Amino acid sequence: MDAHDLIVIGTGCFRKNAMILESLITCPHCGTAKIESMPTDACRFFYECSGCGAKLRPKPGDCCVFCSYGSVSCPPIQAERSGEKGAANCCTR
């Protein structure tokens, strides 16, 4: 593995094809940002902001709150983009 096989996200360095399982969700209403763990086999449709209590839903065209408000797309979308066989189909649009 060389530097071309790595990407930097925030303060972390990851292999390009490594599944990222945490995302920083930022509330569009109050700006509260929180790192959340993402499920690997499903999409999360609802998220309650710990700052203002707003109930977030995915934006039109997005499969989940991580794809709409997160710093990293959800694992099923990551798998789909990397061409992984057997990727969850919960996020098919």
PDB file of N, CA and C in Angstrom:
ATOM      1  N   MET A   1       0.854  -1.170   0.000  1.00  0.00           N
ATOM      2  CA  MET A   1       0.000   0.000   0.000  1.00  0.00           C
ATOM      3  C   MET A   1       0.901   1.234   0.000  1.00  0.00           C
ATOM      4  N   ASP A   2       0.538   2.219  -0.853  1.00  0.00           N
ATOM      5  CA  ASP A   2       1.291   3.467  -0.854  1.00  0.00           C
ATOM      6  C   ASP A   2       0.324   4.625  -0.631  1.00  0.00           C
ATOM      7  N   ALA A   3       0.827   5.848  -0.671  1.00  0.00           N
ATOM      8  CA  ALA A   3       0.015   7.027  -0.378  1.00  0.00           C
ATOM      9  C   ALA A   3      -1.182   7.168  -1.316  1.00  0.00           C
ATOM     10  N   HIS A   4      -1.094   6.635  -2.522  1.00  0.00           N
ATOM     11  CA  HIS A   4      -2.209   6.731  -3.463  1.00  0.00           C
ATOM     12  C   HIS A   4      -3.393   5.852  -3.066  1.00  0.00           C
ATOM     13  N   ASP A   5      -3.177   4.929  -2.140  1.00  0.00           N
ATOM     14  CA  ASP A   5      -4.235   4.038  -1.678  1.00  0.00           C
ATOM     15  C   ASP A   5      -4.968   4.594  -0.467  1.00  0.00           C
ATOM     16  N   LEU A   6      -4.597   5.802  -0.018  1.00  0.00           N
ATOM     17  CA  LEU A   6      -5.161   6.369   1.203  1.00  0.00           C
ATOM     18  C   LEU A   6      -5.941   7.643   0.920  1.00  0.00           C
ATOM     19  N   ILE A   7      -6.951   7.904   1.759  1.00  0.00           N
ATOM     20  CA  ILE A   7      -7.667   9.174   1.726  1.00  0.00           C
ATOM     21  C   ILE A   7      -7.691   9.725   3.142  1.00  0.00           C
ATOM     22  N   VAL A   8      -7.791  11.030   3.270  1.00  0.00           N
ATOM     23  CA  VAL A   8      -7.859  11.673   4.578  1.00  0.00           C
ATOM     24  C   VAL A   8      -9.245  12.274   4.738  1.00  0.00           C
ATOM     25  N   ILE A   9      -9.899  11.948   5.849  1.00  0.00           N
ATOM     26  CA  ILE A   9     -11.200  12.515   6.178  1.00  0.00           C
ATOM     27  C   ILE A   9     -11.096  13.017   7.609  1.00  0.00           C
ATOM     28  N   GLY A  10     -11.261  14.315   7.774  1.00  0.00           N
ATOM     29  CA  GLY A  10     -11.101  14.908   9.103  1.00  0.00           C
ATOM     30  C   GLY A  10      -9.680  14.676   9.577  1.00  0.00           C
ATOM     31  N   THR A  11      -9.542  14.055  10.727  1.00  0.00           N
ATOM     32  CA  THR A  11      -8.212  13.760  11.254  1.00  0.00           C
ATOM     33  C   THR A  11      -7.820  12.311  11.031  1.00  0.00           C
ATOM     34  N   GLY A  12      -8.655  11.564  10.296  1.00  0.00           N
ATOM     35  CA  GLY A  12      -8.371  10.149  10.058  1.00  0.00           C
ATOM     36  C   GLY A  12      -7.838   9.898   8.664  1.00  0.00           C
ATOM     37  N   CYS A  13      -7.072   8.845   8.545  1.00  0.00           N
ATOM     38  CA  CYS A  13      -6.518   8.417   7.268  1.00  0.00           C
ATOM     39  C   CYS A  13      -7.023   6.993   7.031  1.00  0.00           C
ATOM     40  N   PHE A  14      -7.632   6.760   5.868  1.00  0.00           N
ATOM     41  CA  PHE A  14      -8.279   5.491   5.591  1.00  0.00           C
ATOM     42  C   PHE A  14      -7.831   4.933   4.249  1.00  0.00           C
ATOM     43  N   ARG A  15      -7.875   3.617   4.119  1.00  0.00           N
ATOM     44  CA  ARG A  15      -7.677   3.014   2.792  1.00  0.00           C
ATOM     45  C   ARG A  15      -8.850   3.414   1.927  1.00  0.00           C
ATOM     46  N   LYS A  16      -8.617   3.611   0.643  1.00  0.00           N
ATOM     47  CA  LYS A  16      -9.669   4.088  -0.256  1.00  0.00           C
ATOM     48  C   LYS A  16     -10.903   3.197  -0.244  1.00  0.00           C
ATOM     49  N   ASN A  17     -10.724   1.906  -0.142  1.00  0.00           N
ATOM     50  CA  ASN A  17     -11.872   0.997  -0.180  1.00  0.00           C
ATOM     51  C   ASN A  17     -12.355   0.581   1.206  1.00  0.00           C
ATOM     52  N   ALA A  18     -11.793   1.176   2.262  1.00  0.00           N
ATOM     53  CA  ALA A  18     -12.204   0.817   3.615  1.00  0.00           C
ATOM     54  C   ALA A  18     -13.573   1.406   3.917  1.00  0.00           C
ATOM     55  N   MET A  19     -14.415   0.623   4.551  1.00  0.00           N
ATOM     56  CA  MET A  19     -15.737   1.084   4.942  1.00  0.00           C
ATOM     57  C   MET A  19     -15.586   2.026   6.137  1.00  0.00           C
ATOM     58  N   ILE A  20     -16.160   3.210   6.044  1.00  0.00           N
ATOM     59  CA  ILE A  20     -16.137   4.181   7.140  1.00  0.00           C
ATOM     60  C   ILE A  20     -17.456   4.043   7.878  1.00  0.00           C
ATOM     61  N   LEU A  21     -17.386   3.818   9.175  1.00  0.00           N
ATOM     62  CA  LEU A  21     -18.573   3.482   9.950  1.00  0.00           C
ATOM     63  C   LEU A  21     -19.051   4.591  10.874  1.00  0.00           C
ATOM     64  N   GLU A  22     -18.429   5.761  10.815  1.00  0.00           N
ATOM     65  CA  GLU A  22     -18.878   6.899  11.602  1.00  0.00           C
ATOM     66  C   GLU A  22     -19.012   8.108  10.698  1.00  0.00           C
ATOM     67  N   SER A  23     -19.980   8.955  11.011  1.00  0.00           N
ATOM     68  CA  SER A  23     -20.220  10.154  10.218  1.00  0.00           C
ATOM     69  C   SER A  23     -20.559  11.294  11.170  1.00  0.00           C
ATOM     70  N   LEU A  24     -20.126  12.492  10.832  1.00  0.00           N
ATOM     71  CA  LEU A  24     -20.444  13.679  11.612  1.00  0.00           C
ATOM     72  C   LEU A  24     -21.729  14.269  11.049  1.00  0.00           C
ATOM     73  N   ILE A  25     -22.820  14.142  11.806  1.00  0.00           N
ATOM     74  CA  ILE A  25     -24.106  14.689  11.371  1.00  0.00           C
ATOM     75  C   ILE A  25     -24.215  16.112  11.898  1.00  0.00           C
ATOM     76  N   THR A  26     -24.558  17.044  11.009  1.00  0.00           N
ATOM     77  CA  THR A  26     -24.722  18.447  11.383  1.00  0.00           C
ATOM     78  C   THR A  26     -26.176  18.848  11.163  1.00  0.00           C
ATOM     79  N   CYS A  27     -26.798  19.347  12.210  1.00  0.00           N
ATOM     80  CA  CYS A  27     -28.196  19.766  12.140  1.00  0.00           C
ATOM     81  C   CYS A  27     -28.302  21.048  11.302  1.00  0.00           C
ATOM     82  N   PRO A  28     -29.172  21.046  10.295  1.00  0.00           N
ATOM     83  CA  PRO A  28     -29.326  22.244   9.466  1.00  0.00           C
ATOM     84  C   PRO A  28     -30.082  23.369  10.180  1.00  0.00           C
ATOM     85  N   HIS A  29     -30.703  23.055  11.311  1.00  0.00           N
ATOM     86  CA  HIS A  29     -31.487  24.051  12.033  1.00  0.00           C
ATOM     87  C   HIS A  29     -30.663  24.819  13.055  1.00  0.00           C
ATOM     88  N   CYS A  30     -29.827  24.105  13.821  1.00  0.00           N
ATOM     89  CA  CYS A  30     -29.084  24.778  14.901  1.00  0.00           C
ATOM     90  C   CYS A  30     -27.569  24.661  14.767  1.00  0.00           C
ATOM     91  N   GLY A  31     -27.102  23.806  13.853  1.00  0.00           N
ATOM     92  CA  GLY A  31     -25.662  23.665  13.642  1.00  0.00           C
ATOM     93  C   GLY A  31     -24.967  22.690  14.572  1.00  0.00           C
ATOM     94  N   THR A  32     -25.711  22.048  15.472  1.00  0.00           N
ATOM     95  CA  THR A  32     -25.106  21.043  16.344  1.00  0.00           C
ATOM     96  C   THR A  32     -24.537  19.920  15.484  1.00  0.00           C
ATOM     97  N   ALA A  33     -23.309  19.526  15.780  1.00  0.00           N
ATOM     98  CA  ALA A  33     -22.659  18.443  15.035  1.00  0.00           C
ATOM     99  C   ALA A  33     -22.268  17.346  16.015  1.00  0.00           C
ATOM    100  N   LYS A  34     -22.530  16.106  15.630  1.00  0.00           N
ATOM    101  CA  LYS A  34     -22.246  14.973  16.512  1.00  0.00           C
ATOM    102  C   LYS A  34     -21.808  13.783  15.672  1.00  0.00           C
ATOM    103  N   ILE A  35     -20.779  13.094  16.127  1.00  0.00           N
ATOM    104  CA  ILE A  35     -20.327  11.879  15.449  1.00  0.00           C
ATOM    105  C   ILE A  35     -21.255  10.741  15.843  1.00  0.00           C
ATOM    106  N   GLU A  36     -21.772  10.057  14.823  1.00  0.00           N
ATOM    107  CA  GLU A  36     -22.685   8.938  15.046  1.00  0.00           C
ATOM    108  C   GLU A  36     -22.182   7.704  14.313  1.00  0.00           C
ATOM    109  N   SER A  37     -22.422   6.542  14.902  1.00  0.00           N
ATOM    110  CA  SER A  37     -22.111   5.280  14.250  1.00  0.00           C
ATOM    111  C   SER A  37     -23.212   4.976  13.238  1.00  0.00           C
ATOM    112  N   MET A  38     -22.811   4.389  12.109  1.00  0.00           N
ATOM    113  CA  MET A  38     -23.776   4.070  11.056  1.00  0.00           C
ATOM    114  C   MET A  38     -23.974   2.565  10.971  1.00  0.00           C
ATOM    115  N   PRO A  39     -25.221   2.125  10.787  1.00  0.00           N
ATOM    116  CA  PRO A  39     -25.455   0.693  10.582  1.00  0.00           C
ATOM    117  C   PRO A  39     -24.872   0.275   9.235  1.00  0.00           C
ATOM    118  N   THR A  40     -24.384  -0.952   9.160  1.00  0.00           N
ATOM    119  CA  THR A  40     -23.771  -1.427   7.915  1.00  0.00           C
ATOM    120  C   THR A  40     -24.774  -2.085   6.981  1.00  0.00           C
ATOM    121  N   ASP A  41     -25.936  -2.423   7.499  1.00  0.00           N
ATOM    122  CA  ASP A  41     -26.883  -3.203   6.701  1.00  0.00           C
ATOM    123  C   ASP A  41     -28.240  -2.538   6.518  1.00  0.00           C
ATOM    124  N   ALA A  42     -28.325  -1.258   6.831  1.00  0.00           N
ATOM    125  CA  ALA A  42     -29.606  -0.564   6.733  1.00  0.00           C
ATOM    126  C   ALA A  42     -29.374   0.934   6.615  1.00  0.00           C
ATOM    127  N   CYS A  43     -30.430   1.634   6.230  1.00  0.00           N
ATOM    128  CA  CYS A  43     -30.387   3.088   6.159  1.00  0.00           C
ATOM    129  C   CYS A  43     -31.132   3.655   7.365  1.00  0.00           C
ATOM    130  N   ARG A  44     -30.663   4.777   7.865  1.00  0.00           N
ATOM    131  CA  ARG A  44     -31.324   5.421   9.002  1.00  0.00           C
ATOM    132  C   ARG A  44     -32.169   6.578   8.465  1.00  0.00           C
ATOM    133  N   PHE A  45     -33.472   6.466   8.613  1.00  0.00           N
ATOM    134  CA  PHE A  45     -34.389   7.434   8.027  1.00  0.00           C
ATOM    135  C   PHE A  45     -34.677   8.624   8.923  1.00  0.00           C
ATOM    136  N   PHE A  46     -34.524   8.461  10.230  1.00  0.00           N
ATOM    137  CA  PHE A  46     -34.832   9.542  11.162  1.00  0.00           C
ATOM    138  C   PHE A  46     -33.664   9.762  12.106  1.00  0.00           C
ATOM    139  N   TYR A  47     -33.493  11.020  12.510  1.00  0.00           N
ATOM    140  CA  TYR A  47     -32.438  11.363  13.460  1.00  0.00           C
ATOM    141  C   TYR A  47     -32.924  12.554  14.271  1.00  0.00           C
ATOM    142  N   GLU A  48     -32.834  12.455  15.597  1.00  0.00           N
ATOM    143  CA  GLU A  48     -33.232  13.566  16.453  1.00  0.00           C
ATOM    144  C   GLU A  48     -31.991  14.316  16.913  1.00  0.00           C
ATOM    145  N   CYS A  49     -31.954  15.609  16.601  1.00  0.00           N
ATOM    146  CA  CYS A  49     -30.815  16.451  16.967  1.00  0.00           C
ATOM    147  C   CYS A  49     -30.732  16.575  18.477  1.00  0.00           C
ATOM    148  N   SER A  50     -29.536  16.366  19.019  1.00  0.00           N
ATOM    149  CA  SER A  50     -29.347  16.477  20.463  1.00  0.00           C
ATOM    150  C   SER A  50     -29.280  17.934  20.916  1.00  0.00           C
ATOM    151  N   GLY A  51     -29.146  18.855  19.970  1.00  0.00           N
ATOM    152  CA  GLY A  51     -29.070  20.271  20.315  1.00  0.00           C
ATOM    153  C   GLY A  51     -30.432  20.933  20.416  1.00  0.00           C
ATOM    154  N   CYS A  52     -31.234  20.818  19.349  1.00  0.00           N
ATOM    155  CA  CYS A  52     -32.519  21.525  19.318  1.00  0.00           C
ATOM    156  C   CYS A  52     -33.726  20.596  19.295  1.00  0.00           C
ATOM    157  N   GLY A  53     -33.488  19.298  19.167  1.00  0.00           N
ATOM    158  CA  GLY A  53     -34.586  18.336  19.164  1.00  0.00           C
ATOM    159  C   GLY A  53     -35.275  18.157  17.822  1.00  0.00           C
ATOM    160  N   ALA A  54     -34.772  18.834  16.787  1.00  0.00           N
ATOM    161  CA  ALA A  54     -35.380  18.689  15.459  1.00  0.00           C
ATOM    162  C   ALA A  54     -35.287  17.237  15.009  1.00  0.00           C
ATOM    163  N   LYS A  55     -36.343  16.767  14.354  1.00  0.00           N
ATOM    164  CA  LYS A  55     -36.350  15.407  13.811  1.00  0.00           C
ATOM    165  C   LYS A  55     -35.982  15.507  12.333  1.00  0.00           C
ATOM    166  N   LEU A  56     -34.790  15.046  12.003  1.00  0.00           N
ATOM    167  CA  LEU A  56     -34.301  15.133  10.635  1.00  0.00           C
ATOM    168  C   LEU A  56     -34.737  13.920   9.837  1.00  0.00           C
ATOM    169  N   ARG A  57     -35.059  14.172   8.581  1.00  0.00           N
ATOM    170  CA  ARG A  57     -35.390  13.128   7.607  1.00  0.00           C
ATOM    171  C   ARG A  57     -34.483  13.332   6.409  1.00  0.00           C
ATOM    172  N   PRO A  58     -34.292  12.312   5.594  1.00  0.00           N
ATOM    173  CA  PRO A  58     -33.445  12.487   4.407  1.00  0.00           C
ATOM    174  C   PRO A  58     -34.013  13.551   3.464  1.00  0.00           C
ATOM    175  N   LYS A  59     -33.118  14.246   2.796  1.00  0.00           N
ATOM    176  CA  LYS A  59     -33.530  15.190   1.757  1.00  0.00           C
ATOM    177  C   LYS A  59     -34.049  14.387   0.565  1.00  0.00           C
ATOM    178  N   PRO A  60     -34.911  14.987  -0.260  1.00  0.00           N
ATOM    179  CA  PRO A  60     -35.400  14.275  -1.454  1.00  0.00           C
ATOM    180  C   PRO A  60     -34.228  13.773  -2.305  1.00  0.00           C
ATOM    181  N   GLY A  61     -34.288  12.504  -2.675  1.00  0.00           N
ATOM    182  CA  GLY A  61     -33.239  11.902  -3.483  1.00  0.00           C
ATOM    183  C   GLY A  61     -32.149  11.208  -2.675  1.00  0.00           C
ATOM    184  N   ASP A  62     -32.108  11.462  -1.369  1.00  0.00           N
ATOM    185  CA  ASP A  62     -31.135  10.780  -0.494  1.00  0.00           C
ATOM    186  C   ASP A  62     -31.824   9.621   0.204  1.00  0.00           C
ATOM    187  N   CYS A  63     -31.042   8.592   0.532  1.00  0.00           N
ATOM    188  CA  CYS A  63     -31.633   7.400   1.136  1.00  0.00           C
ATOM    189  C   CYS A  63     -31.745   7.494   2.651  1.00  0.00           C
ATOM    190  N   CYS A  64     -30.915   8.336   3.284  1.00  0.00           N
ATOM    191  CA  CYS A  64     -30.913   8.363   4.743  1.00  0.00           C
ATOM    192  C   CYS A  64     -30.348   9.684   5.256  1.00  0.00           C
ATOM    193  N   VAL A  65     -30.409   9.868   6.570  1.00  0.00           N
ATOM    194  CA  VAL A  65     -29.930  11.110   7.172  1.00  0.00           C
ATOM    195  C   VAL A  65     -28.415  11.267   7.049  1.00  0.00           C
ATOM    196  N   PHE A  66     -27.674  10.164   6.983  1.00  0.00           N
ATOM    197  CA  PHE A  66     -26.223  10.267   6.825  1.00  0.00           C
ATOM    198  C   PHE A  66     -25.864  10.828   5.452  1.00  0.00           C
ATOM    199  N   CYS A  67     -26.607  10.407   4.427  1.00  0.00           N
ATOM    200  CA  CYS A  67     -26.349  10.907   3.075  1.00  0.00           C
ATOM    201  C   CYS A  67     -26.769  12.367   2.943  1.00  0.00           C
ATOM    202  N   SER A  68     -27.732  12.815   3.737  1.00  0.00           N
ATOM    203  CA  SER A  68     -28.208  14.196   3.669  1.00  0.00           C
ATOM    204  C   SER A  68     -27.417  15.155   4.555  1.00  0.00           C
ATOM    205  N   TYR A  69     -27.095  14.738   5.774  1.00  0.00           N
ATOM    206  CA  TYR A  69     -26.526  15.660   6.757  1.00  0.00           C
ATOM    207  C   TYR A  69     -25.175  15.217   7.317  1.00  0.00           C
ATOM    208  N   GLY A  70     -24.684  14.073   6.867  1.00  0.00           N
ATOM    209  CA  GLY A  70     -23.446  13.535   7.403  1.00  0.00           C
ATOM    210  C   GLY A  70     -22.222  13.912   6.589  1.00  0.00           C
ATOM    211  N   SER A  71     -21.078  13.745   7.197  1.00  0.00           N
ATOM    212  CA  SER A  71     -19.801  14.025   6.530  1.00  0.00           C
ATOM    213  C   SER A  71     -19.390  12.872   5.624  1.00  0.00           C
ATOM    214  N   VAL A  72     -20.001  11.703   5.832  1.00  0.00           N
ATOM    215  CA  VAL A  72     -19.693  10.497   5.064  1.00  0.00           C
ATOM    216  C   VAL A  72     -21.014   9.822   4.699  1.00  0.00           C
ATOM    217  N   SER A  73     -21.122   9.331   3.485  1.00  0.00           N
ATOM    218  CA  SER A  73     -22.321   8.594   3.072  1.00  0.00           C
ATOM    219  C   SER A  73     -22.443   7.302   3.874  1.00  0.00           C
ATOM    220  N   CYS A  74     -23.650   6.774   3.941  1.00  0.00           N
ATOM    221  CA  CYS A  74     -23.904   5.547   4.695  1.00  0.00           C
ATOM    222  C   CYS A  74     -23.155   4.355   4.086  1.00  0.00           C
ATOM    223  N   PRO A  75     -22.877   3.320   4.894  1.00  0.00           N
ATOM    224  CA  PRO A  75     -22.151   2.149   4.397  1.00  0.00           C
ATOM    225  C   PRO A  75     -22.757   1.489   3.161  1.00  0.00           C
ATOM    226  N   PRO A  76     -24.096   1.332   3.050  1.00  0.00           N
ATOM    227  CA  PRO A  76     -24.613   0.729   1.818  1.00  0.00           C
ATOM    228  C   PRO A  76     -24.254   1.545   0.562  1.00  0.00           C
ATOM    229  N   ILE A  77     -24.282   2.862   0.659  1.00  0.00           N
ATOM    230  CA  ILE A  77     -23.904   3.699  -0.478  1.00  0.00           C
ATOM    231  C   ILE A  77     -22.403   3.612  -0.726  1.00  0.00           C
ATOM    232  N   GLN A  78     -21.602   3.585   0.344  1.00  0.00           N
ATOM    233  CA  GLN A  78     -20.157   3.410   0.184  1.00  0.00           C
ATOM    234  C   GLN A  78     -19.865   2.109  -0.561  1.00  0.00           C
ATOM    235  N   ALA A  79     -20.563   1.033  -0.160  1.00  0.00           N
ATOM    236  CA  ALA A  79     -20.352  -0.268  -0.798  1.00  0.00           C
ATOM    237  C   ALA A  79     -20.763  -0.227  -2.265  1.00  0.00           C
ATOM    238  N   GLU A  80     -21.889   0.411  -2.538  1.00  0.00           N
ATOM    239  CA  GLU A  80     -22.367   0.519  -3.914  1.00  0.00           C
ATOM    240  C   GLU A  80     -21.351   1.269  -4.779  1.00  0.00           C
ATOM    241  N   ARG A  81     -20.824   2.368  -4.263  1.00  0.00           N
ATOM    242  CA  ARG A  81     -19.868   3.184  -5.013  1.00  0.00           C
ATOM    243  C   ARG A  81     -18.548   2.462  -5.248  1.00  0.00           C
ATOM    244  N   SER A  82     -18.186   1.572  -4.324  1.00  0.00           N
ATOM    245  CA  SER A  82     -16.920   0.843  -4.486  1.00  0.00           C
ATOM    246  C   SER A  82     -17.098  -0.409  -5.339  1.00  0.00           C
ATOM    247  N   GLY A  83     -18.371  -0.700  -5.719  1.00  0.00           N
ATOM    248  CA  GLY A  83     -18.627  -1.872  -6.551  1.00  0.00           C
ATOM    249  C   GLY A  83     -18.625  -3.168  -5.772  1.00  0.00           C
ATOM    250  N   GLU A  84     -18.768  -3.089  -4.467  1.00  0.00           N
ATOM    251  CA  GLU A  84     -18.740  -4.283  -3.607  1.00  0.00           C
ATOM    252  C   GLU A  84     -19.920  -5.196  -3.947  1.00  0.00           C
ATOM    253  N   LYS A  85     -19.608  -6.463  -4.112  1.00  0.00           N
ATOM    254  CA  LYS A  85     -20.663  -7.447  -4.372  1.00  0.00           C
ATOM    255  C   LYS A  85     -21.476  -7.665  -3.114  1.00  0.00           C
ATOM    256  N   GLY A  86     -22.771  -7.827  -3.305  1.00  0.00           N
ATOM    257  CA  GLY A  86     -23.638  -8.089  -2.159  1.00  0.00           C
ATOM    258  C   GLY A  86     -23.945  -6.860  -1.340  1.00  0.00           C
ATOM    259  N   ALA A  87     -23.707  -5.672  -1.891  1.00  0.00           N
ATOM    260  CA  ALA A  87     -24.006  -4.435  -1.147  1.00  0.00           C
ATOM    261  C   ALA A  87     -25.501  -4.399  -0.848  1.00  0.00           C
ATOM    262  N   ALA A  88     -25.828  -3.873   0.322  1.00  0.00           N
ATOM    263  CA  ALA A  88     -27.238  -3.783   0.720  1.00  0.00           C
ATOM    264  C   ALA A  88     -28.018  -2.981  -0.302  1.00  0.00           C
ATOM    265  N   ASN A  89     -29.217  -3.410  -0.589  1.00  0.00           N
ATOM    266  CA  ASN A  89     -30.016  -2.707  -1.583  1.00  0.00           C
ATOM    267  C   ASN A  89     -31.050  -1.781  -0.958  1.00  0.00           C
ATOM    268  N   CYS A  90     -30.893  -1.484   0.330  1.00  0.00           N
ATOM    269  CA  CYS A  90     -31.856  -0.619   1.004  1.00  0.00           C
ATOM    270  C   CYS A  90     -31.785   0.810   0.484  1.00  0.00           C
ATOM    271  N   CYS A  91     -30.712   1.138  -0.195  1.00  0.00           N
ATOM    272  CA  CYS A  91     -30.511   2.510  -0.634  1.00  0.00           C
ATOM    273  C   CYS A  91     -30.687   2.699  -2.129  1.00  0.00           C
ATOM    274  N   THR A  92     -31.245   1.733  -2.800  1.00  0.00           N
ATOM    275  CA  THR A  92     -31.442   1.902  -4.228  1.00  0.00           C
ATOM    276  C   THR A  92     -32.441   3.012  -4.455  1.00  0.00           C
ATOM    277  N   ARG A  93     -32.101   3.857  -5.404  1.00  0.00           N
ATOM    278  CA  ARG A  93     -32.931   5.043  -5.620  1.00  0.00           C
ATOM    279  C   ARG A  93     -33.770   4.886  -6.841  1.00  0.00           C
TER     280      ARG A  93
END
